[in-house]
Amino acid sequence: MPVAGMHSTEKDLKVNPNLILTCGARQVEGFNGYQGTGVRILGTGRLVNEGAEFDEMKTKFPFLRSVLELTVTEAKQLL
């Protein structure tokens, strides 16, 4: 995930790498035919500032200063 700001998240990750990420989309049908769904993703994260993956992301997103690498341990659909 491209990171441009997120300075407080960077400080937090140094103390505790555990993350909870939630996201949603109206275009994906949820449970019981609801319009939209959400997902909760649990995992650990670290910021990457160099290497091949960083260079690839930097060409796609020139504004980024680092890349958030997320290792998923659990993902659950919420709606």
C-alpha atoms as a PDB file:
ATOM      1  CA  MET A   1       0.000   0.000   0.000  1.00  0.00           C
ATOM      2  CA  PRO A   2       1.532   3.371  -0.950  1.00  0.00           C
ATOM      3  CA  VAL A   3       2.334   5.610   2.011  1.00  0.00           C
ATOM      4  CA  ALA A   4       2.636   9.372   1.582  1.00  0.00           C
ATOM      5  CA  GLY A   5       1.844  10.645   5.094  1.00  0.00           C
ATOM      6  CA  MET A   6       0.931   8.286   7.917  1.00  0.00           C
ATOM      7  CA  HIS A   7       3.605   9.654  10.264  1.00  0.00           C
ATOM      8  CA  SER A   8       1.679   8.666  13.411  1.00  0.00           C
ATOM      9  CA  THR A   9       1.101   5.177  11.968  1.00  0.00           C
ATOM     10  CA  GLU A  10       4.847   4.893  11.367  1.00  0.00           C
ATOM     11  CA  LYS A  11       5.521   5.705  15.030  1.00  0.00           C
ATOM     12  CA  ASP A  12       2.840   3.242  16.161  1.00  0.00           C
ATOM     13  CA  LEU A  13       4.258   0.410  14.021  1.00  0.00           C
ATOM     14  CA  LYS A  14       7.637   0.794  15.728  1.00  0.00           C
ATOM     15  CA  VAL A  15       5.949   0.073  19.071  1.00  0.00           C
ATOM     16  CA  ASN A  16       3.342  -2.463  17.909  1.00  0.00           C
ATOM     17  CA  PRO A  17       3.289  -3.972  14.391  1.00  0.00           C
ATOM     18  CA  ASN A  18      -0.264  -5.362  14.729  1.00  0.00           C
ATOM     19  CA  LEU A  19      -2.817  -3.781  12.380  1.00  0.00           C
ATOM     20  CA  ILE A  20      -6.564  -3.833  11.850  1.00  0.00           C
ATOM     21  CA  LEU A  21      -7.579  -2.637   8.398  1.00  0.00           C
ATOM     22  CA  THR A  22     -11.220  -2.202   7.399  1.00  0.00           C
ATOM     23  CA  CYS A  23     -12.464  -1.489   3.906  1.00  0.00           C
ATOM     24  CA  GLY A  24     -15.741  -1.560   2.060  1.00  0.00           C
ATOM     25  CA  ALA A  25     -17.223  -1.427  -1.413  1.00  0.00           C
ATOM     26  CA  ARG A  26     -20.747  -0.672  -2.579  1.00  0.00           C
ATOM     27  CA  GLN A  27     -20.171  -2.492  -5.858  1.00  0.00           C
ATOM     28  CA  VAL A  28     -19.754  -5.907  -4.174  1.00  0.00           C
ATOM     29  CA  GLU A  29     -22.905  -7.672  -2.960  1.00  0.00           C
ATOM     30  CA  GLY A  30     -22.835  -8.461   0.731  1.00  0.00           C
ATOM     31  CA  PHE A  31     -24.646 -11.027   2.855  1.00  0.00           C
ATOM     32  CA  ASN A  32     -28.411 -11.456   2.296  1.00  0.00           C
ATOM     33  CA  GLY A  33     -28.298  -9.501  -0.963  1.00  0.00           C
ATOM     34  CA  TYR A  34     -27.280  -6.208   0.698  1.00  0.00           C
ATOM     35  CA  GLN A  35     -25.719  -3.624  -1.584  1.00  0.00           C
ATOM     36  CA  GLY A  36     -22.121  -3.317  -0.465  1.00  0.00           C
ATOM     37  CA  THR A  37     -19.918  -5.243   1.887  1.00  0.00           C
ATOM     38  CA  GLY A  38     -17.054  -4.674   4.292  1.00  0.00           C
ATOM     39  CA  VAL A  39     -13.976  -6.636   5.244  1.00  0.00           C
ATOM     40  CA  ARG A  40     -11.867  -6.563   8.403  1.00  0.00           C
ATOM     41  CA  ILE A  41      -8.253  -7.600   7.902  1.00  0.00           C
ATOM     42  CA  LEU A  42      -5.975  -8.450  10.824  1.00  0.00           C
ATOM     43  CA  GLY A  43      -2.230  -8.750  10.451  1.00  0.00           C
ATOM     44  CA  THR A  44       1.158  -7.214  11.003  1.00  0.00           C
ATOM     45  CA  GLY A  45       2.700  -4.371   9.092  1.00  0.00           C
ATOM     46  CA  ARG A  46       6.008  -2.740   8.358  1.00  0.00           C
ATOM     47  CA  LEU A  47       7.097   0.197   6.253  1.00  0.00           C
ATOM     48  CA  VAL A  48       9.474  -0.567   3.382  1.00  0.00           C
ATOM     49  CA  ASN A  49      11.693   2.253   2.080  1.00  0.00           C
ATOM     50  CA  GLU A  50      13.972   0.463  -0.387  1.00  0.00           C
ATOM     51  CA  GLY A  51      14.264  -2.554  -2.649  1.00  0.00           C
ATOM     52  CA  ALA A  52      12.652  -3.834  -5.841  1.00  0.00           C
ATOM     53  CA  GLU A  53       9.052  -3.717  -4.558  1.00  0.00           C
ATOM     54  CA  PHE A  54       9.538  -0.169  -3.287  1.00  0.00           C
ATOM     55  CA  ASP A  55      11.018   0.916  -6.637  1.00  0.00           C
ATOM     56  CA  GLU A  56       8.104  -0.657  -8.535  1.00  0.00           C
ATOM     57  CA  MET A  57       5.531   1.105  -6.351  1.00  0.00           C
ATOM     58  CA  LYS A  58       7.423   4.411  -6.617  1.00  0.00           C
ATOM     59  CA  THR A  59       7.068   4.342 -10.420  1.00  0.00           C
ATOM     60  CA  LYS A  60       3.292   3.819 -10.077  1.00  0.00           C
ATOM     61  CA  PHE A  61       2.831   6.288  -7.203  1.00  0.00           C
ATOM     62  CA  PRO A  62       5.571   8.971  -7.427  1.00  0.00           C
ATOM     63  CA  PHE A  63       4.232  10.760  -4.320  1.00  0.00           C
ATOM     64  CA  LEU A  64       4.948   7.882  -1.910  1.00  0.00           C
ATOM     65  CA  ARG A  65       7.697   7.933   0.680  1.00  0.00           C
ATOM     66  CA  SER A  66       7.386   4.267   1.699  1.00  0.00           C
ATOM     67  CA  VAL A  67       5.251   1.172   1.198  1.00  0.00           C
ATOM     68  CA  LEU A  68       3.131  -0.478   3.885  1.00  0.00           C
ATOM     69  CA  GLU A  69       3.722  -4.223   3.716  1.00  0.00           C
ATOM     70  CA  LEU A  70       0.848  -6.081   5.385  1.00  0.00           C
ATOM     71  CA  THR A  71       1.080  -9.745   6.379  1.00  0.00           C
ATOM     72  CA  VAL A  72      -2.522 -10.947   6.730  1.00  0.00           C
ATOM     73  CA  THR A  73      -3.349 -13.330   9.586  1.00  0.00           C
ATOM     74  CA  GLU A  74      -7.152 -13.137   9.323  1.00  0.00           C
ATOM     75  CA  ALA A  75      -9.730 -11.631   6.973  1.00  0.00           C
ATOM     76  CA  LYS A  76     -13.467 -11.598   7.672  1.00  0.00           C
ATOM     77  CA  GLN A  77     -16.397 -10.294   5.645  1.00  0.00           C
ATOM     78  CA  LEU A  78     -18.561  -8.090   7.877  1.00  0.00           C
ATOM     79  CA  LEU A  79     -21.729  -7.294   5.917  1.00  0.00           C
END
